[in-house]
Amino acid sequence: MSNSFTFDPVAVVVDWLDACRLGKLDALLDLYDEQATQDCHCENVTLAGRKAIASYWAPKLQDRRGPMAFTLDELALMGNSVQVDYRGYQGNPIRIFVHCTEAGKILHTSCRPQASWEN
């Protein structure tokens, strides 16, 4: 399957996981577009803009638990997005879809506990 990206969306996801794993909020936010949105079905919140995304992620990055936090289980390029199965900040399995702009910035994410995608 080919895509029309001029960047590697999988590399964006790997950078996103690295920033989370290392607790680097500024590096994480640099990956997001200014108009980015996030639908978190884990906590039933919708976020818009980098300021809201920063407020959401800051405590999670500080509260990373154990060696499994933010580790990659599996990923797949799916059209214009990347499906990522990873371990959340508490080590629980999460599935997130990451959609990027043509410039390679994260425009939208949608996540929920991995088991709920499979039901």
C-alpha atoms as a PDB file:
ATOM      1  CA  MET A   1       0.000   0.000   0.000  1.00  0.00           C
ATOM      2  CA  SER A   2       1.388   3.381  -0.906  1.00  0.00           C
ATOM      3  CA  ASN A   3       0.578   6.701   0.678  1.00  0.00           C
ATOM      4  CA  SER A   4       0.819  10.312  -0.394  1.00  0.00           C
ATOM      5  CA  PHE A   5       2.843  11.483   2.595  1.00  0.00           C
ATOM      6  CA  THR A   6       6.040  13.452   2.070  1.00  0.00           C
ATOM      7  CA  PHE A   7       7.095  12.355   5.571  1.00  0.00           C
ATOM      8  CA  ASP A   8       7.017   9.092   7.482  1.00  0.00           C
ATOM      9  CA  PRO A   9       3.890   8.988   9.693  1.00  0.00           C
ATOM     10  CA  VAL A  10       5.242   5.916  11.476  1.00  0.00           C
ATOM     11  CA  ALA A  11       8.329   7.935  12.466  1.00  0.00           C
ATOM     12  CA  VAL A  12       6.014  10.617  13.897  1.00  0.00           C
ATOM     13  CA  VAL A  13       4.338   7.956  16.040  1.00  0.00           C
ATOM     14  CA  VAL A  14       7.698   6.583  17.191  1.00  0.00           C
ATOM     15  CA  ASP A  15       8.801  10.120  18.127  1.00  0.00           C
ATOM     16  CA  TRP A  16       5.474  10.578  19.975  1.00  0.00           C
ATOM     17  CA  LEU A  17       6.022   7.385  21.985  1.00  0.00           C
ATOM     18  CA  ASP A  18       9.654   8.349  22.712  1.00  0.00           C
ATOM     19  CA  ALA A  19       8.606  11.786  24.020  1.00  0.00           C
ATOM     20  CA  CYS A  20       5.952  10.166  26.232  1.00  0.00           C
ATOM     21  CA  ARG A  21       8.297   7.470  27.511  1.00  0.00           C
ATOM     22  CA  LEU A  22      10.948  10.074  28.368  1.00  0.00           C
ATOM     23  CA  GLY A  23       8.407  12.449  29.944  1.00  0.00           C
ATOM     24  CA  LYS A  24       9.331  15.301  27.594  1.00  0.00           C
ATOM     25  CA  LEU A  25       6.218  17.444  27.301  1.00  0.00           C
ATOM     26  CA  ASP A  26       7.835  20.102  25.071  1.00  0.00           C
ATOM     27  CA  ALA A  27       9.068  17.464  22.620  1.00  0.00           C
ATOM     28  CA  LEU A  28       5.604  15.892  22.621  1.00  0.00           C
ATOM     29  CA  LEU A  29       3.860  19.200  21.941  1.00  0.00           C
ATOM     30  CA  ASP A  30       6.266  19.974  19.092  1.00  0.00           C
ATOM     31  CA  LEU A  31       4.771  17.003  17.256  1.00  0.00           C
ATOM     32  CA  TYR A  32       1.261  18.507  17.308  1.00  0.00           C
ATOM     33  CA  ASP A  33      -0.262  20.994  14.892  1.00  0.00           C
ATOM     34  CA  GLU A  34      -1.491  24.230  16.488  1.00  0.00           C
ATOM     35  CA  GLN A  35      -5.088  23.208  15.649  1.00  0.00           C
ATOM     36  CA  ALA A  36      -4.733  19.628  16.893  1.00  0.00           C
ATOM     37  CA  THR A  37      -7.641  17.819  18.509  1.00  0.00           C
ATOM     38  CA  GLN A  38      -7.861  14.707  20.631  1.00  0.00           C
ATOM     39  CA  ASP A  39     -10.777  12.444  21.456  1.00  0.00           C
ATOM     40  CA  CYS A  40      -9.929  10.401  24.531  1.00  0.00           C
ATOM     41  CA  HIS A  41     -12.550   7.725  25.096  1.00  0.00           C
ATOM     42  CA  CYS A  42     -10.477   6.411  28.008  1.00  0.00           C
ATOM     43  CA  GLU A  43     -11.499   9.479  30.031  1.00  0.00           C
ATOM     44  CA  ASN A  44     -14.417  10.728  27.890  1.00  0.00           C
ATOM     45  CA  VAL A  45     -12.787  14.051  27.015  1.00  0.00           C
ATOM     46  CA  THR A  46     -12.357  15.991  23.804  1.00  0.00           C
ATOM     47  CA  LEU A  47      -9.482  18.430  23.552  1.00  0.00           C
ATOM     48  CA  ALA A  48      -8.751  21.209  21.072  1.00  0.00           C
ATOM     49  CA  GLY A  49      -5.446  23.031  20.696  1.00  0.00           C
ATOM     50  CA  ARG A  50      -1.975  22.448  22.048  1.00  0.00           C
ATOM     51  CA  LYS A  51      -2.695  24.180  25.378  1.00  0.00           C
ATOM     52  CA  ALA A  52      -5.497  21.726  26.170  1.00  0.00           C
ATOM     53  CA  ILE A  53      -3.385  18.812  24.965  1.00  0.00           C
ATOM     54  CA  ALA A  54      -0.523  19.995  27.204  1.00  0.00           C
ATOM     55  CA  SER A  55      -2.855  20.113  30.221  1.00  0.00           C
ATOM     56  CA  TYR A  56      -4.030  16.585  29.454  1.00  0.00           C
ATOM     57  CA  TRP A  57      -0.579  15.057  28.953  1.00  0.00           C
ATOM     58  CA  ALA A  58       1.491  16.850  31.625  1.00  0.00           C
ATOM     59  CA  PRO A  59       0.256  14.821  34.632  1.00  0.00           C
ATOM     60  CA  LYS A  60       0.381  11.554  32.673  1.00  0.00           C
ATOM     61  CA  LEU A  61       3.989  12.104  31.670  1.00  0.00           C
ATOM     62  CA  GLN A  62       4.889  12.844  35.294  1.00  0.00           C
ATOM     63  CA  ASP A  63       2.988   9.776  36.533  1.00  0.00           C
ATOM     64  CA  ARG A  64       4.499   7.162  34.192  1.00  0.00           C
ATOM     65  CA  ARG A  65       4.330   3.826  35.949  1.00  0.00           C
ATOM     66  CA  GLY A  66       6.742   1.020  35.379  1.00  0.00           C
ATOM     67  CA  PRO A  67       8.817  -0.115  32.447  1.00  0.00           C
ATOM     68  CA  MET A  68       5.780  -0.890  30.265  1.00  0.00           C
ATOM     69  CA  ALA A  69       4.513   2.716  30.151  1.00  0.00           C
ATOM     70  CA  PHE A  70       4.423   4.011  26.563  1.00  0.00           C
ATOM     71  CA  THR A  71       5.856   0.881  24.983  1.00  0.00           C
ATOM     72  CA  LEU A  72       4.774  -0.126  21.506  1.00  0.00           C
ATOM     73  CA  ASP A  73       2.815  -3.328  21.030  1.00  0.00           C
ATOM     74  CA  GLU A  74       1.895  -2.976  17.353  1.00  0.00           C
ATOM     75  CA  LEU A  75       1.299  -0.369  14.675  1.00  0.00           C
ATOM     76  CA  ALA A  76      -0.177  -0.294  11.204  1.00  0.00           C
ATOM     77  CA  LEU A  77      -0.376   2.355   8.521  1.00  0.00           C
ATOM     78  CA  MET A  78      -4.038   2.654   7.572  1.00  0.00           C
ATOM     79  CA  GLY A  79      -4.629   5.068   4.725  1.00  0.00           C
ATOM     80  CA  ASN A  80      -4.055   8.565   6.096  1.00  0.00           C
ATOM     81  CA  SER A  81      -3.607   7.475   9.685  1.00  0.00           C
ATOM     82  CA  VAL A  82      -1.572   5.170  11.891  1.00  0.00           C
ATOM     83  CA  GLN A  83      -3.203   2.677  14.238  1.00  0.00           C
ATOM     84  CA  VAL A  84      -1.056   2.211  17.315  1.00  0.00           C
ATOM     85  CA  ASP A  85      -1.453  -0.348  20.072  1.00  0.00           C
ATOM     86  CA  TYR A  86       0.683   0.727  23.005  1.00  0.00           C
ATOM     87  CA  ARG A  87       0.826   0.710  26.777  1.00  0.00           C
ATOM     88  CA  GLY A  88      -0.518   3.838  28.452  1.00  0.00           C
ATOM     89  CA  TYR A  89       1.090   5.725  31.308  1.00  0.00           C
ATOM     90  CA  GLN A  90      -0.215   3.104  33.758  1.00  0.00           C
ATOM     91  CA  GLY A  91       0.879   0.202  31.547  1.00  0.00           C
ATOM     92  CA  ASN A  92      -2.649  -0.567  30.319  1.00  0.00           C
ATOM     93  CA  PRO A  93      -3.243  -1.484  26.645  1.00  0.00           C
ATOM     94  CA  ILE A  94      -4.466   1.459  24.558  1.00  0.00           C
ATOM     95  CA  ARG A  95      -5.313   1.774  20.867  1.00  0.00           C
ATOM     96  CA  ILE A  96      -4.894   5.186  19.293  1.00  0.00           C
ATOM     97  CA  PHE A  97      -5.397   6.418  15.754  1.00  0.00           C
ATOM     98  CA  VAL A  98      -3.025   9.232  14.791  1.00  0.00           C
ATOM     99  CA  HIS A  99      -3.891  11.500  11.842  1.00  0.00           C
ATOM    100  CA  CYS A 100      -1.211  13.901  10.577  1.00  0.00           C
ATOM    101  CA  THR A 101      -1.174  17.019   8.455  1.00  0.00           C
ATOM    102  CA  GLU A 102       0.634  17.032   5.108  1.00  0.00           C
ATOM    103  CA  ALA A 103       3.465  18.821   6.958  1.00  0.00           C
ATOM    104  CA  GLY A 104       3.922  15.859   9.310  1.00  0.00           C
ATOM    105  CA  LYS A 105       2.307  17.307  12.439  1.00  0.00           C
ATOM    106  CA  ILE A 106      -0.305  15.434  14.463  1.00  0.00           C
ATOM    107  CA  LEU A 107      -3.709  16.893  13.617  1.00  0.00           C
ATOM    108  CA  HIS A 108      -6.046  14.501  15.432  1.00  0.00           C
ATOM    109  CA  THR A 109      -5.879  11.489  17.716  1.00  0.00           C
ATOM    110  CA  SER A 110      -8.600   9.192  18.943  1.00  0.00           C
ATOM    111  CA  CYS A 111      -7.894   6.679  21.688  1.00  0.00           C
ATOM    112  CA  ARG A 112      -9.637   4.182  23.921  1.00  0.00           C
ATOM    113  CA  PRO A 113      -8.742   1.076  25.872  1.00  0.00           C
ATOM    114  CA  GLN A 114      -7.641  -1.531  23.364  1.00  0.00           C
ATOM    115  CA  ALA A 115     -10.239  -4.097  24.465  1.00  0.00           C
ATOM    116  CA  SER A 116     -13.104  -1.725  23.605  1.00  0.00           C
ATOM    117  CA  TRP A 117     -11.942  -1.526  19.942  1.00  0.00           C
ATOM    118  CA  GLU A 118     -12.056  -5.305  19.728  1.00  0.00           C
ATOM    119  CA  ASN A 119     -15.613  -5.689  21.052  1.00  0.00           C
END
